Amino acid sequence: MGNVYDGIDERLSAWILRQPMFFVATAPLSADGHVNVSPKGPIGTFRVLGPREVAYVDYVGSGAETIAHLRENGRIVVMFCAFDGPPRILRLHGRGEVLEPGTIDFEEAGEPAAQRSIVRVEVDRVADSCGYNVPLMEVVGRRPHRELSVAKRMRTGGADAYAAYMAEHNAQSIDGLPGVEA
């Protein structure tokens, strides 16, 4: 049986920050639109700002679904799963907004050139569930691919490399909604 909490207290915040990653889900208003779920992390890119406010660094990626959906309707859910220790799934439902990189300090986030935005969420529901079907997993480490991609893109395209990439790949969602602004 799951629990619904009044907000994110110190105990829940500490549990959140021990998880290696999180997932974000959004959807457009259109019934024909595509629901999007994205893995996010590492956890150093996530902040609990208050009992009902969180934020995370949004890195440049191959799509812009989360940004497009948030700009259209703001609905978002952030989900954490316990991959070790006692089973648990925690969901933070709320309304999100897209902020400029650097709006909130993420000193451990790294790769500032690849930071597309900050997503801030006003949380209106904090709830957990059992997580009995989440497998036990061991974190081996971070994949080196993002850092290698950042280095290559900066070496070959310079300071404007990410702006050019986002203009080509992140200007709209797969459903044609406006994505990253130029």
C-alpha atoms as a PDB file:
ATOM      1  CA  MET A   1       0.000   0.000   0.000  1.00  0.00           C
ATOM      2  CA  GLY A   2       1.419   3.363  -0.999  1.00  0.00           C
ATOM      3  CA  ASN A   3       1.593   6.547   0.998  1.00  0.00           C
ATOM      4  CA  VAL A   4       0.797  10.125   0.049  1.00  0.00           C
ATOM      5  CA  TYR A   5       2.947  12.727   1.811  1.00  0.00           C
ATOM      6  CA  ASP A   6       2.346  16.390   2.648  1.00  0.00           C
ATOM      7  CA  GLY A   7       5.637  17.240   0.966  1.00  0.00           C
ATOM      8  CA  ILE A   8       9.262  16.213   0.664  1.00  0.00           C
ATOM      9  CA  ASP A   9      10.649  16.100   4.182  1.00  0.00           C
ATOM     10  CA  GLU A  10      14.313  15.581   5.161  1.00  0.00           C
ATOM     11  CA  ARG A  11      13.938  11.784   5.190  1.00  0.00           C
ATOM     12  CA  LEU A  12      12.435  11.647   1.677  1.00  0.00           C
ATOM     13  CA  SER A  13      14.954  14.191   0.406  1.00  0.00           C
ATOM     14  CA  ALA A  14      17.861  12.095   1.707  1.00  0.00           C
ATOM     15  CA  TRP A  15      16.367   8.976   0.078  1.00  0.00           C
ATOM     16  CA  ILE A  16      15.918  10.804  -3.240  1.00  0.00           C
ATOM     17  CA  LEU A  17      19.533  11.986  -3.240  1.00  0.00           C
ATOM     18  CA  ARG A  18      20.806   8.424  -2.656  1.00  0.00           C
ATOM     19  CA  GLN A  19      19.215   7.157  -5.875  1.00  0.00           C
ATOM     20  CA  PRO A  20      21.531   6.926  -8.889  1.00  0.00           C
ATOM     21  CA  MET A  21      19.022   8.260 -11.428  1.00  0.00           C
ATOM     22  CA  PHE A  22      15.428   9.321 -11.975  1.00  0.00           C
ATOM     23  CA  PHE A  23      12.809   9.320 -14.712  1.00  0.00           C
ATOM     24  CA  VAL A  24      10.669  12.162 -16.066  1.00  0.00           C
ATOM     25  CA  ALA A  25       7.328  11.687 -17.839  1.00  0.00           C
ATOM     26  CA  THR A  26       5.318  14.286 -19.750  1.00  0.00           C
ATOM     27  CA  ALA A  27       2.585  14.259 -22.370  1.00  0.00           C
ATOM     28  CA  PRO A  28       1.046  16.688 -24.836  1.00  0.00           C
ATOM     29  CA  LEU A  29      -2.598  17.692 -24.553  1.00  0.00           C
ATOM     30  CA  SER A  30      -3.480  15.992 -27.837  1.00  0.00           C
ATOM     31  CA  ALA A  31      -4.817  12.448 -27.485  1.00  0.00           C
ATOM     32  CA  ASP A  32      -2.843  11.620 -30.631  1.00  0.00           C
ATOM     33  CA  GLY A  33       0.401  13.004 -29.177  1.00  0.00           C
ATOM     34  CA  HIS A  34       3.236  10.882 -27.885  1.00  0.00           C
ATOM     35  CA  VAL A  35       3.760  10.361 -24.156  1.00  0.00           C
ATOM     36  CA  ASN A  36       7.435  10.741 -23.254  1.00  0.00           C
ATOM     37  CA  VAL A  37       9.474   9.082 -20.496  1.00  0.00           C
ATOM     38  CA  SER A  38      13.151   9.994 -20.151  1.00  0.00           C
ATOM     39  CA  PRO A  39      15.876   8.644 -17.863  1.00  0.00           C
ATOM     40  CA  LYS A  40      17.787  11.443 -16.138  1.00  0.00           C
ATOM     41  CA  GLY A  41      20.886  11.705 -14.050  1.00  0.00           C
ATOM     42  CA  PRO A  42      23.277  11.484 -12.474  1.00  0.00           C
ATOM     43  CA  ILE A  43      21.544  12.374  -9.238  1.00  0.00           C
ATOM     44  CA  GLY A  44      23.902  15.353  -8.745  1.00  0.00           C
ATOM     45  CA  THR A  45      21.814  17.072 -11.424  1.00  0.00           C
ATOM     46  CA  PHE A  46      18.733  16.996  -9.169  1.00  0.00           C
ATOM     47  CA  ARG A  47      17.866  19.365  -6.312  1.00  0.00           C
ATOM     48  CA  VAL A  48      15.166  19.343  -3.660  1.00  0.00           C
ATOM     49  CA  LEU A  49      14.536  23.073  -3.236  1.00  0.00           C
ATOM     50  CA  GLY A  50      11.754  22.774  -0.682  1.00  0.00           C
ATOM     51  CA  PRO A  51       8.944  20.526   0.507  1.00  0.00           C
ATOM     52  CA  ARG A  52       7.050  21.086  -2.755  1.00  0.00           C
ATOM     53  CA  GLU A  53       9.733  22.296  -5.161  1.00  0.00           C
ATOM     54  CA  VAL A  54      12.442  20.425  -7.080  1.00  0.00           C
ATOM     55  CA  ALA A  55      14.632  21.121 -10.097  1.00  0.00           C
ATOM     56  CA  TYR A  56      17.037  19.294 -12.378  1.00  0.00           C
ATOM     57  CA  VAL A  57      19.530  20.026 -15.137  1.00  0.00           C
ATOM     58  CA  ASP A  58      18.202  19.223 -18.609  1.00  0.00           C
ATOM     59  CA  TYR A  59      21.041  18.266 -20.944  1.00  0.00           C
ATOM     60  CA  VAL A  60      21.059  18.633 -24.715  1.00  0.00           C
ATOM     61  CA  GLY A  61      19.626  15.467 -26.217  1.00  0.00           C
ATOM     62  CA  SER A  62      18.289  14.002 -29.405  1.00  0.00           C
ATOM     63  CA  GLY A  63      14.776  15.321 -28.753  1.00  0.00           C
ATOM     64  CA  ALA A  64      12.954  18.047 -26.887  1.00  0.00           C
ATOM     65  CA  GLU A  65       9.766  16.322 -25.777  1.00  0.00           C
ATOM     66  CA  THR A  66       9.911  17.328 -22.110  1.00  0.00           C
ATOM     67  CA  ILE A  67      10.527  20.986 -22.955  1.00  0.00           C
ATOM     68  CA  ALA A  68       7.767  21.025 -25.587  1.00  0.00           C
ATOM     69  CA  HIS A  69       5.228  19.372 -23.293  1.00  0.00           C
ATOM     70  CA  LEU A  70       6.058  21.652 -20.364  1.00  0.00           C
ATOM     71  CA  ARG A  71       5.713  24.723 -22.555  1.00  0.00           C
ATOM     72  CA  GLU A  72       2.358  23.468 -23.806  1.00  0.00           C
ATOM     73  CA  ASN A  73       0.737  22.339 -20.540  1.00  0.00           C
ATOM     74  CA  GLY A  74       3.254  22.097 -17.669  1.00  0.00           C
ATOM     75  CA  ARG A  75       2.260  18.572 -16.534  1.00  0.00           C
ATOM     76  CA  ILE A  76       5.137  16.401 -15.309  1.00  0.00           C
ATOM     77  CA  VAL A  77       5.904  13.487 -13.030  1.00  0.00           C
ATOM     78  CA  VAL A  78       9.373  12.684 -11.691  1.00  0.00           C
ATOM     79  CA  MET A  79       9.879   9.076 -10.579  1.00  0.00           C
ATOM     80  CA  PHE A  80      12.603   7.505  -8.451  1.00  0.00           C
ATOM     81  CA  CYS A  81      13.099   3.748  -7.975  1.00  0.00           C
ATOM     82  CA  ALA A  82      15.132   1.989  -5.300  1.00  0.00           C
ATOM     83  CA  PHE A  83      17.506  -0.303  -7.189  1.00  0.00           C
ATOM     84  CA  ASP A  84      19.114  -1.417  -3.916  1.00  0.00           C
ATOM     85  CA  GLY A  85      17.943  -1.611  -0.318  1.00  0.00           C
ATOM     86  CA  PRO A  86      14.257  -1.798   0.582  1.00  0.00           C
ATOM     87  CA  PRO A  87      11.909  -1.610  -2.428  1.00  0.00           C
ATOM     88  CA  ARG A  88      10.259   1.728  -3.151  1.00  0.00           C
ATOM     89  CA  ILE A  89       9.008   3.883  -5.988  1.00  0.00           C
ATOM     90  CA  LEU A  90       8.477   7.595  -5.311  1.00  0.00           C
ATOM     91  CA  ARG A  91       6.568   9.852  -7.687  1.00  0.00           C
ATOM     92  CA  LEU A  92       6.526  13.646  -7.628  1.00  0.00           C
ATOM     93  CA  HIS A  93       3.580  14.969  -9.665  1.00  0.00           C
ATOM     94  CA  GLY A  94       3.400  18.640 -10.489  1.00  0.00           C
ATOM     95  CA  ARG A  95       3.697  21.546 -12.863  1.00  0.00           C
ATOM     96  CA  GLY A  96       7.038  22.223 -14.474  1.00  0.00           C
ATOM     97  CA  GLU A  97       8.658  25.183 -16.118  1.00  0.00           C
ATOM     98  CA  VAL A  98      11.728  25.523 -18.310  1.00  0.00           C
ATOM     99  CA  LEU A  99      14.372  27.950 -17.040  1.00  0.00           C
ATOM    100  CA  GLU A 100      17.623  29.188 -18.543  1.00  0.00           C
ATOM    101  CA  PRO A 101      20.799  27.242 -17.625  1.00  0.00           C
ATOM    102  CA  GLY A 102      22.452  28.702 -14.535  1.00  0.00           C
ATOM    103  CA  THR A 103      19.165  29.941 -13.028  1.00  0.00           C
ATOM    104  CA  ILE A 104      19.658  27.487 -10.159  1.00  0.00           C
ATOM    105  CA  ASP A 105      23.153  26.511  -8.966  1.00  0.00           C
ATOM    106  CA  PHE A 106      24.162  22.951  -9.842  1.00  0.00           C
ATOM    107  CA  GLU A 107      27.880  23.003  -9.029  1.00  0.00           C
ATOM    108  CA  GLU A 108      28.231  19.191  -9.388  1.00  0.00           C
ATOM    109  CA  ALA A 109      26.330  18.962 -12.680  1.00  0.00           C
ATOM    110  CA  GLY A 110      29.390  19.404 -14.899  1.00  0.00           C
ATOM    111  CA  GLU A 111      29.509  19.925 -18.664  1.00  0.00           C
ATOM    112  CA  PRO A 112      28.014  23.438 -18.679  1.00  0.00           C
ATOM    113  CA  ALA A 113      28.218  23.575 -22.487  1.00  0.00           C
ATOM    114  CA  ALA A 114      25.760  20.665 -22.724  1.00  0.00           C
ATOM    115  CA  GLN A 115      23.236  22.103 -20.254  1.00  0.00           C
ATOM    116  CA  ARG A 116      20.155  23.008 -22.278  1.00  0.00           C
ATOM    117  CA  SER A 117      17.942  24.249 -19.456  1.00  0.00           C
ATOM    118  CA  ILE A 118      16.851  23.826 -15.869  1.00  0.00           C
ATOM    119  CA  VAL A 119      13.471  22.220 -15.248  1.00  0.00           C
ATOM    120  CA  ARG A 120      11.813  23.459 -12.063  1.00  0.00           C
ATOM    121  CA  VAL A 121       8.777  21.614 -10.714  1.00  0.00           C
ATOM    122  CA  GLU A 122       6.138  22.848  -8.274  1.00  0.00           C
ATOM    123  CA  VAL A 123       5.128  19.520  -6.718  1.00  0.00           C
ATOM    124  CA  ASP A 124       1.443  19.023  -5.927  1.00  0.00           C
ATOM    125  CA  ARG A 125       1.538  15.309  -5.049  1.00  0.00           C
ATOM    126  CA  VAL A 126       4.253  13.239  -3.347  1.00  0.00           C
ATOM    127  CA  ALA A 127       3.435   9.525  -3.236  1.00  0.00           C
ATOM    128  CA  ASP A 128       5.269   6.231  -2.980  1.00  0.00           C
ATOM    129  CA  SER A 129       4.423   2.642  -3.826  1.00  0.00           C
ATOM    130  CA  CYS A 130       5.952  -0.728  -3.053  1.00  0.00           C
ATOM    131  CA  GLY A 131       8.451  -1.179  -5.878  1.00  0.00           C
ATOM    132  CA  TYR A 132       8.441  -4.962  -5.410  1.00  0.00           C
ATOM    133  CA  ASN A 133       8.941  -5.515  -9.154  1.00  0.00           C
ATOM    134  CA  VAL A 134      11.920  -3.152  -9.483  1.00  0.00           C
ATOM    135  CA  PRO A 135      15.013  -5.349  -9.848  1.00  0.00           C
ATOM    136  CA  LEU A 136      17.994  -5.137  -7.537  1.00  0.00           C
ATOM    137  CA  MET A 137      20.785  -3.555  -9.546  1.00  0.00           C
ATOM    138  CA  GLU A 138      24.330  -2.460  -8.901  1.00  0.00           C
ATOM    139  CA  VAL A 139      25.606   0.862 -10.198  1.00  0.00           C
ATOM    140  CA  VAL A 140      28.952   0.258 -11.871  1.00  0.00           C
ATOM    141  CA  GLY A 141      29.571   3.878 -12.791  1.00  0.00           C
ATOM    142  CA  ARG A 142      28.777   6.596 -15.265  1.00  0.00           C
ATOM    143  CA  ARG A 143      29.092   5.976 -18.965  1.00  0.00           C
ATOM    144  CA  PRO A 144      31.849   8.115 -20.537  1.00  0.00           C
ATOM    145  CA  HIS A 145      29.845   8.907 -23.666  1.00  0.00           C
ATOM    146  CA  ARG A 146      28.391  12.283 -22.663  1.00  0.00           C
ATOM    147  CA  GLU A 147      31.769  13.721 -21.677  1.00  0.00           C
ATOM    148  CA  LEU A 148      33.347  12.355 -24.868  1.00  0.00           C
ATOM    149  CA  SER A 149      30.532  13.814 -26.967  1.00  0.00           C
ATOM    150  CA  VAL A 150      30.879  17.211 -25.292  1.00  0.00           C
ATOM    151  CA  ALA A 151      34.643  17.226 -25.895  1.00  0.00           C
ATOM    152  CA  LYS A 152      34.240  16.216 -29.543  1.00  0.00           C
ATOM    153  CA  ARG A 153      31.461  18.722 -30.222  1.00  0.00           C
ATOM    154  CA  MET A 154      33.464  21.548 -28.618  1.00  0.00           C
ATOM    155  CA  ARG A 155      36.627  20.543 -30.491  1.00  0.00           C
ATOM    156  CA  THR A 156      34.926  20.392 -33.893  1.00  0.00           C
ATOM    157  CA  GLY A 157      32.237  23.077 -33.559  1.00  0.00           C
ATOM    158  CA  GLY A 158      33.438  25.411 -30.848  1.00  0.00           C
ATOM    159  CA  ALA A 159      31.201  27.438 -28.583  1.00  0.00           C
ATOM    160  CA  ASP A 160      28.310  27.460 -31.077  1.00  0.00           C
ATOM    161  CA  ALA A 161      28.234  23.664 -31.535  1.00  0.00           C
ATOM    162  CA  TYR A 162      25.363  23.041 -29.129  1.00  0.00           C
ATOM    163  CA  ALA A 163      23.312  25.981 -30.354  1.00  0.00           C
ATOM    164  CA  ALA A 164      23.561  24.630 -33.905  1.00  0.00           C
ATOM    165  CA  TYR A 165      22.658  21.110 -32.745  1.00  0.00           C
ATOM    166  CA  MET A 166      19.645  22.325 -30.778  1.00  0.00           C
ATOM    167  CA  ALA A 167      18.446  24.469 -33.697  1.00  0.00           C
ATOM    168  CA  GLU A 168      18.515  21.378 -35.919  1.00  0.00           C
ATOM    169  CA  HIS A 169      17.333  18.646 -33.515  1.00  0.00           C
ATOM    170  CA  ASN A 170      15.500  20.333 -30.616  1.00  0.00           C
ATOM    171  CA  ALA A 171      13.411  23.098 -32.233  1.00  0.00           C
ATOM    172  CA  GLN A 172      10.235  21.008 -32.045  1.00  0.00           C
ATOM    173  CA  SER A 173       8.883  17.835 -30.554  1.00  0.00           C
ATOM    174  CA  ILE A 174       8.104  14.699 -32.544  1.00  0.00           C
ATOM    175  CA  ASP A 175       4.483  15.924 -32.578  1.00  0.00           C
ATOM    176  CA  GLY A 176       5.478  19.325 -33.958  1.00  0.00           C
ATOM    177  CA  LEU A 177       5.152  21.310 -30.724  1.00  0.00           C
ATOM    178  CA  PRO A 178       7.647  24.158 -30.188  1.00  0.00           C
ATOM    179  CA  GLY A 179      10.734  22.892 -28.356  1.00  0.00           C
ATOM    180  CA  VAL A 180      13.978  24.700 -27.601  1.00  0.00           C
ATOM    181  CA  GLU A 181      13.881  28.382 -28.443  1.00  0.00           C
ATOM    182  CA  ALA A 182      16.752  29.655 -30.572  1.00  0.00           C
END
